[in-house]
Amino acid sequence: MVSALKVKQANIQYHARIADKYETTQPHFGLDNISRLEKTISRLGRKTRGKGVVLDVGCGTGFLMKIAKRHFTQVYGVDITKRMVERIPKSPNTMPVLADSERLPFKRNSFDACISYSFLHHLHHPNRSLREICRVLKPGGVYFNDQDFNRDYFELTESMAGHSQKRLEVKTRSKEVKDIYRAYSMPPVTTRLAEFQEIKKGGFTPKELEAMVKRAGFRTVTVRPRWFIGEARIRREQGADVGDRIDAYLLWLYPVASGLFKYLSFEAVK
C-alpha cells in the first residue's frame, strides 16, 4: 500500500528534478493558456476591486502568481518543493512560502480567493488539502482549480487503437510516464508516485471531484471539462475560432462527451 509520505517525498524529488527546465518545457506557459487563465483570475480580482489577497496552492515556480499579481494587492504561494519556490521571481506583492498544503501556515479566513493549477492529482489525500484551502478562504471566497485529469478521458483513450492515438494526439497513462522519462530522465516509479491520482487512479470523474470539494466545506462547486481530444491540432491547423466552436459544441453534449476532454477545472464557493 502506498503511503502519503512516499507520495510527498516523490513529489519533492520529481519537482526538484524538473525545476530548472520547468518553464521552458511545460506547455501551460503558452500565451493562449496564459490568456485563458488571466480572464478567470482577473474576474476573481475584480470582485475585490483589485485590493484582495490571493493564495496559490502548489505554486511551483509561480506560474499563476505572475498572473495574479496584476489583479490582487498581495499574492501568496505555497509549495512543498524548495527548489521550485526558490525560482519564483522576487516581487513586492508576491510572497512565496515553503509549506505543505495539508498544513497551511495561515489563519482561518485569510484570503479573498485561492487558486491552483495542475495540483490535486499530485496528492495522496486531496481531501486534506481541500479542507485546508476552505479553512483559509474567507466566507464567500472562490477557489479556482485548473488542469486536473479526467478519468473518463483515460478510460476512453486507453481503449483506442494505437493508430487513432497517434492521429488524434492523445496519451495513455503509460505514455505520460514514458514521455516524462525521456524529457527529464525521471525514474518511472517516481513519476507514478508524484502523479499519484493521475497514474495510479486515472484522475477524477467530474461527479467524484464535485463531491470531494463539497465534503471539504464548500457550498457550491461548478466543474467544467476542457481540452478535447485533438484540440491542439485543430487550433494549430484550423485556427482558434474553429477550436472554440468545437469546444462549445462538445460542452453542449456534456456529460455524454465527457471522455473527449482531458482535463477538469472547477470553481468552488465557500
C-alpha atoms as a PDB file:
ATOM      1  CA  MET A   1       0.000   0.000   0.000  1.00  0.00           C
ATOM      2  CA  VAL A   2       1.330   3.438  -0.959  1.00  0.00           C
ATOM      3  CA  SER A   3       1.735   5.850   1.953  1.00  0.00           C
ATOM      4  CA  ALA A   4       1.074   9.582   1.908  1.00  0.00           C
ATOM      5  CA  LEU A   5       4.677  10.195   2.973  1.00  0.00           C
ATOM      6  CA  LYS A   6       6.043   8.320  -0.050  1.00  0.00           C
ATOM      7  CA  VAL A   7       3.862  10.400  -2.357  1.00  0.00           C
ATOM      8  CA  LYS A   8       5.091  13.642  -0.781  1.00  0.00           C
ATOM      9  CA  GLN A   9       8.720  12.543  -0.997  1.00  0.00           C
ATOM     10  CA  ALA A  10       8.272  11.551  -4.631  1.00  0.00           C
ATOM     11  CA  ASN A  11       6.731  14.935  -5.409  1.00  0.00           C
ATOM     12  CA  ILE A  12       9.682  16.760  -3.883  1.00  0.00           C
ATOM     13  CA  GLN A  13      12.128  14.605  -5.846  1.00  0.00           C
ATOM     14  CA  TYR A  14      10.100  14.908  -9.041  1.00  0.00           C
ATOM     15  CA  HIS A  15       9.662  18.682  -8.947  1.00  0.00           C
ATOM     16  CA  ALA A  16      13.201  19.382  -7.770  1.00  0.00           C
ATOM     17  CA  ARG A  17      14.430  17.444 -10.786  1.00  0.00           C
ATOM     18  CA  ILE A  18      12.330  19.349 -13.314  1.00  0.00           C
ATOM     19  CA  ALA A  19      12.582  22.805 -11.686  1.00  0.00           C
ATOM     20  CA  ASP A  20      15.390  24.162 -13.885  1.00  0.00           C
ATOM     21  CA  LYS A  21      13.602  23.182 -17.119  1.00  0.00           C
ATOM     22  CA  TYR A  22      10.049  23.637 -15.909  1.00  0.00           C
ATOM     23  CA  GLU A  23       9.177  26.946 -17.533  1.00  0.00           C
ATOM     24  CA  THR A  24      10.717  26.043 -20.894  1.00  0.00           C
ATOM     25  CA  THR A  25       9.252  22.540 -21.241  1.00  0.00           C
ATOM     26  CA  GLN A  26       5.736  22.736 -19.807  1.00  0.00           C
ATOM     27  CA  PRO A  27       3.019  23.555 -22.364  1.00  0.00           C
ATOM     28  CA  HIS A  28       0.924  25.573 -19.935  1.00  0.00           C
ATOM     29  CA  PHE A  29       3.357  28.511 -20.287  1.00  0.00           C
ATOM     30  CA  GLY A  30       1.967  29.131 -23.790  1.00  0.00           C
ATOM     31  CA  LEU A  31       0.443  32.549 -24.430  1.00  0.00           C
ATOM     32  CA  ASP A  32      -3.020  31.142 -25.277  1.00  0.00           C
ATOM     33  CA  ASN A  33      -3.206  29.308 -21.963  1.00  0.00           C
ATOM     34  CA  ILE A  34      -1.961  32.316 -20.009  1.00  0.00           C
ATOM     35  CA  SER A  35      -4.595  34.488 -21.691  1.00  0.00           C
ATOM     36  CA  ARG A  36      -7.319  31.973 -20.834  1.00  0.00           C
ATOM     37  CA  LEU A  37      -6.296  31.829 -17.179  1.00  0.00           C
ATOM     38  CA  GLU A  38      -5.924  35.593 -16.942  1.00  0.00           C
ATOM     39  CA  LYS A  39      -9.597  36.023 -17.816  1.00  0.00           C
ATOM     40  CA  THR A  40     -10.633  33.918 -14.823  1.00  0.00           C
ATOM     41  CA  ILE A  41      -8.100  35.347 -12.372  1.00  0.00           C
ATOM     42  CA  SER A  42      -8.867  38.944 -13.396  1.00  0.00           C
ATOM     43  CA  ARG A  43     -12.575  38.239 -12.816  1.00  0.00           C
ATOM     44  CA  LEU A  44     -11.782  36.986  -9.313  1.00  0.00           C
ATOM     45  CA  GLY A  45      -9.643  40.067  -8.717  1.00  0.00           C
ATOM     46  CA  ARG A  46     -12.405  42.432  -9.799  1.00  0.00           C
ATOM     47  CA  LYS A  47     -14.615  41.095  -7.018  1.00  0.00           C
ATOM     48  CA  THR A  48     -12.173  42.726  -4.586  1.00  0.00           C
ATOM     49  CA  ARG A  49     -11.636  45.774  -6.827  1.00  0.00           C
ATOM     50  CA  GLY A  50      -8.021  44.719  -7.179  1.00  0.00           C
ATOM     51  CA  LYS A  51      -7.392  45.048  -3.445  1.00  0.00           C
ATOM     52  CA  GLY A  52      -7.735  41.417  -2.449  1.00  0.00           C
ATOM     53  CA  VAL A  53      -5.309  38.803  -1.171  1.00  0.00           C
ATOM     54  CA  VAL A  54      -4.980  35.522  -3.058  1.00  0.00           C
ATOM     55  CA  LEU A  55      -3.253  32.218  -2.296  1.00  0.00           C
ATOM     56  CA  ASP A  56      -1.763  29.962  -4.987  1.00  0.00           C
ATOM     57  CA  VAL A  57      -1.583  26.417  -3.605  1.00  0.00           C
ATOM     58  CA  GLY A  58       1.064  24.181  -5.161  1.00  0.00           C
ATOM     59  CA  CYS A  59       2.509  27.271  -6.818  1.00  0.00           C
ATOM     60  CA  GLY A  60       5.597  25.654  -8.372  1.00  0.00           C
ATOM     61  CA  THR A  61       7.776  28.344  -9.928  1.00  0.00           C
ATOM     62  CA  GLY A  62       4.993  30.920  -9.656  1.00  0.00           C
ATOM     63  CA  PHE A  63       3.061  30.340 -12.890  1.00  0.00           C
ATOM     64  CA  LEU A  64      -0.295  31.583 -11.551  1.00  0.00           C
ATOM     65  CA  MET A  65       1.314  34.026  -9.128  1.00  0.00           C
ATOM     66  CA  LYS A  66       2.748  36.016 -12.028  1.00  0.00           C
ATOM     67  CA  ILE A  67      -0.744  36.401 -13.466  1.00  0.00           C
ATOM     68  CA  ALA A  68      -2.451  37.044 -10.131  1.00  0.00           C
ATOM     69  CA  LYS A  69      -0.124  39.865  -9.073  1.00  0.00           C
ATOM     70  CA  ARG A  70      -1.675  42.015 -11.816  1.00  0.00           C
ATOM     71  CA  HIS A  71      -5.106  41.623 -10.238  1.00  0.00           C
ATOM     72  CA  PHE A  72      -4.575  41.338  -6.472  1.00  0.00           C
ATOM     73  CA  THR A  73      -2.785  43.536  -3.942  1.00  0.00           C
ATOM     74  CA  GLN A  74      -0.993  40.585  -2.351  1.00  0.00           C
ATOM     75  CA  VAL A  75      -0.239  37.169  -3.770  1.00  0.00           C
ATOM     76  CA  TYR A  76       0.917  34.303  -1.564  1.00  0.00           C
ATOM     77  CA  GLY A  77       2.118  30.991  -2.909  1.00  0.00           C
ATOM     78  CA  VAL A  78       2.855  27.712  -1.148  1.00  0.00           C
ATOM     79  CA  ASP A  79       4.734  24.701  -2.431  1.00  0.00           C
ATOM     80  CA  ILE A  80       6.377  21.682  -0.826  1.00  0.00           C
ATOM     81  CA  THR A  81       9.457  21.724  -3.094  1.00  0.00           C
ATOM     82  CA  LYS A  82      12.177  24.156  -2.047  1.00  0.00           C
ATOM     83  CA  ARG A  83      13.857  24.232  -5.446  1.00  0.00           C
ATOM     84  CA  MET A  84      10.607  25.317  -7.077  1.00  0.00           C
ATOM     85  CA  VAL A  85       9.936  28.050  -4.521  1.00  0.00           C
ATOM     86  CA  GLU A  86      13.477  29.386  -4.925  1.00  0.00           C
ATOM     87  CA  ARG A  87      12.849  30.013  -8.611  1.00  0.00           C
ATOM     88  CA  ILE A  88       9.877  32.331  -8.057  1.00  0.00           C
ATOM     89  CA  PRO A  89      10.885  35.857  -9.169  1.00  0.00           C
ATOM     90  CA  LYS A  90      11.062  38.406  -6.349  1.00  0.00           C
ATOM     91  CA  SER A  91       8.300  40.999  -6.406  1.00  0.00           C
ATOM     92  CA  PRO A  92       6.944  43.499  -3.844  1.00  0.00           C
ATOM     93  CA  ASN A  93       3.486  41.918  -3.775  1.00  0.00           C
ATOM     94  CA  THR A  94       4.372  38.206  -4.087  1.00  0.00           C
ATOM     95  CA  MET A  95       5.172  36.095  -1.030  1.00  0.00           C
ATOM     96  CA  PRO A  96       6.299  32.510  -1.748  1.00  0.00           C
ATOM     97  CA  VAL A  97       6.219  30.145   1.236  1.00  0.00           C
ATOM     98  CA  LEU A  98       7.710  26.656   1.582  1.00  0.00           C
ATOM     99  CA  ALA A  99       4.856  24.676   3.131  1.00  0.00           C
ATOM    100  CA  ASP A 100       2.738  21.533   2.957  1.00  0.00           C
ATOM    101  CA  SER A 101      -0.750  22.109   1.526  1.00  0.00           C
ATOM    102  CA  GLU A 102      -2.155  19.822   4.225  1.00  0.00           C
ATOM    103  CA  ARG A 103      -0.923  22.245   6.911  1.00  0.00           C
ATOM    104  CA  LEU A 104      -1.179  25.754   5.519  1.00  0.00           C
ATOM    105  CA  PRO A 105       0.613  28.311   7.750  1.00  0.00           C
ATOM    106  CA  PHE A 106      -2.214  30.861   7.644  1.00  0.00           C
ATOM    107  CA  LYS A 107      -5.096  31.837   9.898  1.00  0.00           C
ATOM    108  CA  ARG A 108      -8.699  30.979   9.172  1.00  0.00           C
ATOM    109  CA  ASN A 109     -10.462  33.308   6.681  1.00  0.00           C
ATOM    110  CA  SER A 110      -7.214  34.912   5.452  1.00  0.00           C
ATOM    111  CA  PHE A 111      -7.748  35.004   1.679  1.00  0.00           C
ATOM    112  CA  ASP A 112     -10.276  36.509  -0.715  1.00  0.00           C
ATOM    113  CA  ALA A 113      -9.527  33.803  -3.288  1.00  0.00           C
ATOM    114  CA  CYS A 114      -7.454  30.655  -3.679  1.00  0.00           C
ATOM    115  CA  ILE A 115      -6.114  29.290  -6.953  1.00  0.00           C
ATOM    116  CA  SER A 116      -4.194  26.222  -8.107  1.00  0.00           C
ATOM    117  CA  TYR A 117      -3.048  24.671 -11.362  1.00  0.00           C
ATOM    118  CA  SER A 118      -2.256  21.037 -12.112  1.00  0.00           C
ATOM    119  CA  PHE A 119      -2.281  20.391  -8.376  1.00  0.00           C
ATOM    120  CA  LEU A 120      -4.775  17.900  -6.960  1.00  0.00           C
ATOM    121  CA  HIS A 121      -3.590  14.899  -8.972  1.00  0.00           C
ATOM    122  CA  HIS A 122      -0.219  15.096  -7.193  1.00  0.00           C
ATOM    123  CA  LEU A 123      -1.788  14.440  -3.790  1.00  0.00           C
ATOM    124  CA  HIS A 124      -2.299  11.196  -1.910  1.00  0.00           C
ATOM    125  CA  HIS A 125      -5.233  12.652   0.051  1.00  0.00           C
ATOM    126  CA  PRO A 126      -6.680  15.629  -1.878  1.00  0.00           C
ATOM    127  CA  ASN A 127      -9.446  15.986   0.706  1.00  0.00           C
ATOM    128  CA  ARG A 128      -6.930  17.054   3.372  1.00  0.00           C
ATOM    129  CA  SER A 129      -5.595  19.919   1.259  1.00  0.00           C
ATOM    130  CA  LEU A 130      -9.086  20.894   0.161  1.00  0.00           C
ATOM    131  CA  ARG A 131     -10.181  21.242   3.798  1.00  0.00           C
ATOM    132  CA  GLU A 132      -7.180  23.474   4.478  1.00  0.00           C
ATOM    133  CA  ILE A 133      -7.923  25.636   1.448  1.00  0.00           C
ATOM    134  CA  CYS A 134     -11.510  26.014   2.629  1.00  0.00           C
ATOM    135  CA  ARG A 135     -10.286  26.921   6.119  1.00  0.00           C
ATOM    136  CA  VAL A 136      -8.040  29.809   4.994  1.00  0.00           C
ATOM    137  CA  LEU A 137     -10.541  31.145   2.434  1.00  0.00           C
ATOM    138  CA  LYS A 138     -12.926  33.887   3.532  1.00  0.00           C
ATOM    139  CA  PRO A 139     -16.679  33.162   3.527  1.00  0.00           C
ATOM    140  CA  GLY A 140     -17.984  33.833   0.029  1.00  0.00           C
ATOM    141  CA  GLY A 141     -14.483  33.480  -1.400  1.00  0.00           C
ATOM    142  CA  VAL A 142     -13.795  31.431  -4.537  1.00  0.00           C
ATOM    143  CA  TYR A 143     -11.341  28.596  -5.046  1.00  0.00           C
ATOM    144  CA  PHE A 144     -10.396  28.127  -8.710  1.00  0.00           C
ATOM    145  CA  ASN A 145      -8.546  24.939  -9.658  1.00  0.00           C
ATOM    146  CA  ASP A 146      -7.488  24.074 -13.191  1.00  0.00           C
ATOM    147  CA  GLN A 147      -5.793  21.264 -15.137  1.00  0.00           C
ATOM    148  CA  ASP A 148      -6.503  18.068 -13.243  1.00  0.00           C
ATOM    149  CA  PHE A 149      -7.031  14.824 -15.119  1.00  0.00           C
ATOM    150  CA  ASN A 150     -10.389  13.475 -16.202  1.00  0.00           C
ATOM    151  CA  ARG A 151     -10.727   9.733 -15.569  1.00  0.00           C
ATOM    152  CA  ASP A 152     -13.340   9.453 -18.325  1.00  0.00           C
ATOM    153  CA  TYR A 153     -10.671  10.585 -20.810  1.00  0.00           C
ATOM    154  CA  PHE A 154      -8.156   7.912 -19.827  1.00  0.00           C
ATOM    155  CA  GLU A 155     -10.822   5.216 -19.883  1.00  0.00           C
ATOM    156  CA  LEU A 156     -11.651   6.212 -23.455  1.00  0.00           C
ATOM    157  CA  THR A 157      -8.111   6.728 -24.802  1.00  0.00           C
ATOM    158  CA  GLU A 158      -6.741   3.529 -23.303  1.00  0.00           C
ATOM    159  CA  SER A 159      -9.378   1.591 -25.217  1.00  0.00           C
ATOM    160  CA  MET A 160      -8.378   3.173 -28.545  1.00  0.00           C
ATOM    161  CA  ALA A 161      -6.130   1.598 -31.160  1.00  0.00           C
ATOM    162  CA  GLY A 162      -2.557   2.866 -31.452  1.00  0.00           C
ATOM    163  CA  HIS A 163      -3.180   4.438 -34.874  1.00  0.00           C
ATOM    164  CA  SER A 164      -6.027   6.541 -33.551  1.00  0.00           C
ATOM    165  CA  GLN A 165      -3.968   7.623 -30.565  1.00  0.00           C
ATOM    166  CA  LYS A 166      -1.206   8.956 -32.796  1.00  0.00           C
ATOM    167  CA  ARG A 167      -3.567  10.640 -35.244  1.00  0.00           C
ATOM    168  CA  LEU A 168      -5.564  12.395 -32.529  1.00  0.00           C
ATOM    169  CA  GLU A 169      -2.584  13.302 -30.317  1.00  0.00           C
ATOM    170  CA  VAL A 170      -3.898  11.506 -27.248  1.00  0.00           C
ATOM    171  CA  LYS A 171      -1.951   9.932 -24.412  1.00  0.00           C
ATOM    172  CA  THR A 172      -2.430   6.927 -22.208  1.00  0.00           C
ATOM    173  CA  ARG A 173      -1.107   6.952 -18.656  1.00  0.00           C
ATOM    174  CA  SER A 174       1.817   4.691 -19.607  1.00  0.00           C
ATOM    175  CA  LYS A 175       2.786   7.080 -22.410  1.00  0.00           C
ATOM    176  CA  GLU A 176       2.725  10.002 -19.960  1.00  0.00           C
ATOM    177  CA  VAL A 177       5.265   8.159 -17.790  1.00  0.00           C
ATOM    178  CA  LYS A 178       7.488   7.371 -20.798  1.00  0.00           C
ATOM    179  CA  ASP A 179       7.390  10.974 -22.047  1.00  0.00           C
ATOM    180  CA  ILE A 180       8.408  12.304 -18.632  1.00  0.00           C
ATOM    181  CA  TYR A 181      11.274   9.808 -18.509  1.00  0.00           C
ATOM    182  CA  ARG A 182      12.515  10.948 -21.930  1.00  0.00           C
ATOM    183  CA  ALA A 183      12.232  14.639 -21.053  1.00  0.00           C
ATOM    184  CA  TYR A 184      13.794  14.569 -17.579  1.00  0.00           C
ATOM    185  CA  SER A 185      15.357  11.081 -17.120  1.00  0.00           C
ATOM    186  CA  MET A 186      12.789  10.675 -14.372  1.00  0.00           C
ATOM    187  CA  PRO A 187      12.598   7.211 -12.780  1.00  0.00           C
ATOM    188  CA  PRO A 188       9.157   5.806 -13.677  1.00  0.00           C
ATOM    189  CA  VAL A 189       8.484   4.825 -10.059  1.00  0.00           C
ATOM    190  CA  THR A 190       8.946   8.469  -9.035  1.00  0.00           C
ATOM    191  CA  THR A 191       6.533   9.685 -11.703  1.00  0.00           C
ATOM    192  CA  ARG A 192       3.894   7.123 -10.746  1.00  0.00           C
ATOM    193  CA  LEU A 193       4.015   8.284  -7.133  1.00  0.00           C
ATOM    194  CA  ALA A 194       4.319  12.017  -7.817  1.00  0.00           C
ATOM    195  CA  GLU A 195       1.410  11.912 -10.296  1.00  0.00           C
ATOM    196  CA  PHE A 196      -0.500   9.671  -7.889  1.00  0.00           C
ATOM    197  CA  GLN A 197      -4.115  10.498  -8.698  1.00  0.00           C
ATOM    198  CA  GLU A 198      -3.397  10.511 -12.448  1.00  0.00           C
ATOM    199  CA  ILE A 199      -1.153   7.477 -12.924  1.00  0.00           C
ATOM    200  CA  LYS A 200      -2.315   5.265 -10.056  1.00  0.00           C
ATOM    201  CA  LYS A 201      -6.012   6.164 -10.077  1.00  0.00           C
ATOM    202  CA  GLY A 202      -6.628   7.563 -13.550  1.00  0.00           C
ATOM    203  CA  GLY A 203      -7.610  11.054 -12.404  1.00  0.00           C
ATOM    204  CA  PHE A 204     -11.048  12.122 -11.177  1.00  0.00           C
ATOM    205  CA  THR A 205     -14.537  11.844 -12.566  1.00  0.00           C
ATOM    206  CA  PRO A 206     -16.495  15.127 -12.624  1.00  0.00           C
ATOM    207  CA  LYS A 207     -19.019  13.822 -10.071  1.00  0.00           C
ATOM    208  CA  GLU A 208     -16.280  12.490  -7.798  1.00  0.00           C
ATOM    209  CA  LEU A 209     -14.442  15.814  -7.903  1.00  0.00           C
ATOM    210  CA  GLU A 210     -17.586  17.806  -7.145  1.00  0.00           C
ATOM    211  CA  ALA A 211     -18.487  15.573  -4.188  1.00  0.00           C
ATOM    212  CA  MET A 212     -14.956  15.697  -2.771  1.00  0.00           C
ATOM    213  CA  VAL A 213     -14.822  19.507  -2.903  1.00  0.00           C
ATOM    214  CA  LYS A 214     -18.229  19.820  -1.250  1.00  0.00           C
ATOM    215  CA  ARG A 215     -17.181  17.458   1.542  1.00  0.00           C
ATOM    216  CA  ALA A 216     -14.266  19.808   2.243  1.00  0.00           C
ATOM    217  CA  GLY A 217     -16.764  22.509   3.217  1.00  0.00           C
ATOM    218  CA  PHE A 218     -17.541  24.443   0.030  1.00  0.00           C
ATOM    219  CA  ARG A 219     -21.160  25.470  -0.567  1.00  0.00           C
ATOM    220  CA  THR A 220     -21.232  25.294  -4.352  1.00  0.00           C
ATOM    221  CA  VAL A 221     -18.962  23.650  -6.907  1.00  0.00           C
ATOM    222  CA  THR A 222     -19.035  24.048 -10.688  1.00  0.00           C
ATOM    223  CA  VAL A 223     -16.907  21.527 -12.588  1.00  0.00           C
ATOM    224  CA  ARG A 224     -16.014  22.180 -16.220  1.00  0.00           C
ATOM    225  CA  PRO A 225     -14.202  19.808 -18.609  1.00  0.00           C
ATOM    226  CA  ARG A 226     -11.692  21.242 -21.051  1.00  0.00           C
ATOM    227  CA  TRP A 227      -9.136  20.438 -23.769  1.00  0.00           C
ATOM    228  CA  PHE A 228     -10.867  17.994 -26.099  1.00  0.00           C
ATOM    229  CA  ILE A 229      -9.098  15.205 -27.991  1.00  0.00           C
ATOM    230  CA  GLY A 230      -7.298  16.660 -30.997  1.00  0.00           C
ATOM    231  CA  GLU A 231      -7.740  20.275 -29.849  1.00  0.00           C
ATOM    232  CA  ALA A 232      -4.063  21.150 -30.274  1.00  0.00           C
ATOM    233  CA  ARG A 233      -4.128  20.006 -33.898  1.00  0.00           C
ATOM    234  CA  ILE A 234      -7.441  21.763 -34.629  1.00  0.00           C
ATOM    235  CA  ARG A 235      -6.198  25.060 -33.237  1.00  0.00           C
ATOM    236  CA  ARG A 236      -2.833  24.726 -34.967  1.00  0.00           C
ATOM    237  CA  GLU A 237      -4.217  23.827 -38.415  1.00  0.00           C
ATOM    238  CA  GLN A 238      -7.671  25.454 -38.480  1.00  0.00           C
ATOM    239  CA  GLY A 239      -7.421  28.289 -36.006  1.00  0.00           C
ATOM    240  CA  ALA A 240      -8.747  29.298 -32.597  1.00  0.00           C
ATOM    241  CA  ASP A 241     -12.266  30.122 -33.833  1.00  0.00           C
ATOM    242  CA  VAL A 242     -12.825  26.578 -35.097  1.00  0.00           C
ATOM    243  CA  GLY A 243     -11.394  25.187 -31.854  1.00  0.00           C
ATOM    244  CA  ASP A 244     -13.745  27.389 -29.835  1.00  0.00           C
ATOM    245  CA  ARG A 245     -16.808  26.257 -31.833  1.00  0.00           C
ATOM    246  CA  ILE A 246     -15.964  22.580 -31.415  1.00  0.00           C
ATOM    247  CA  ASP A 247     -15.339  23.123 -27.704  1.00  0.00           C
ATOM    248  CA  ALA A 248     -18.722  24.835 -27.324  1.00  0.00           C
ATOM    249  CA  TYR A 249     -20.495  22.013 -29.165  1.00  0.00           C
ATOM    250  CA  LEU A 250     -18.862  19.281 -27.070  1.00  0.00           C
ATOM    251  CA  LEU A 251     -19.722  21.182 -23.887  1.00  0.00           C
ATOM    252  CA  TRP A 252     -23.331  21.300 -25.122  1.00  0.00           C
ATOM    253  CA  LEU A 253     -23.178  17.494 -25.371  1.00  0.00           C
ATOM    254  CA  TYR A 254     -21.710  17.184 -21.871  1.00  0.00           C
ATOM    255  CA  PRO A 255     -21.807  14.878 -19.901  1.00  0.00           C
ATOM    256  CA  VAL A 256     -22.257  12.492 -22.844  1.00  0.00           C
ATOM    257  CA  ALA A 257     -18.976  13.769 -24.310  1.00  0.00           C
ATOM    258  CA  SER A 258     -17.073  13.791 -21.006  1.00  0.00           C
ATOM    259  CA  GLY A 259     -14.471  11.266 -22.143  1.00  0.00           C
ATOM    260  CA  LEU A 260     -13.422  13.535 -25.011  1.00  0.00           C
ATOM    261  CA  PHE A 261     -11.962  16.082 -22.578  1.00  0.00           C
ATOM    262  CA  LYS A 262      -8.570  15.502 -20.966  1.00  0.00           C
ATOM    263  CA  TYR A 263      -8.816  17.923 -18.040  1.00  0.00           C
ATOM    264  CA  LEU A 264     -11.232  19.159 -15.402  1.00  0.00           C
ATOM    265  CA  SER A 265     -11.356  22.590 -13.790  1.00  0.00           C
ATOM    266  CA  PHE A 266     -13.717  23.935 -11.161  1.00  0.00           C
ATOM    267  CA  GLU A 267     -14.750  26.954  -9.167  1.00  0.00           C
ATOM    268  CA  ALA A 268     -15.939  26.420  -5.612  1.00  0.00           C
ATOM    269  CA  VAL A 269     -17.523  28.993  -3.309  1.00  0.00           C
ATOM    270  CA  LYS A 270     -17.111  28.815   0.473  1.00  0.00           C
END
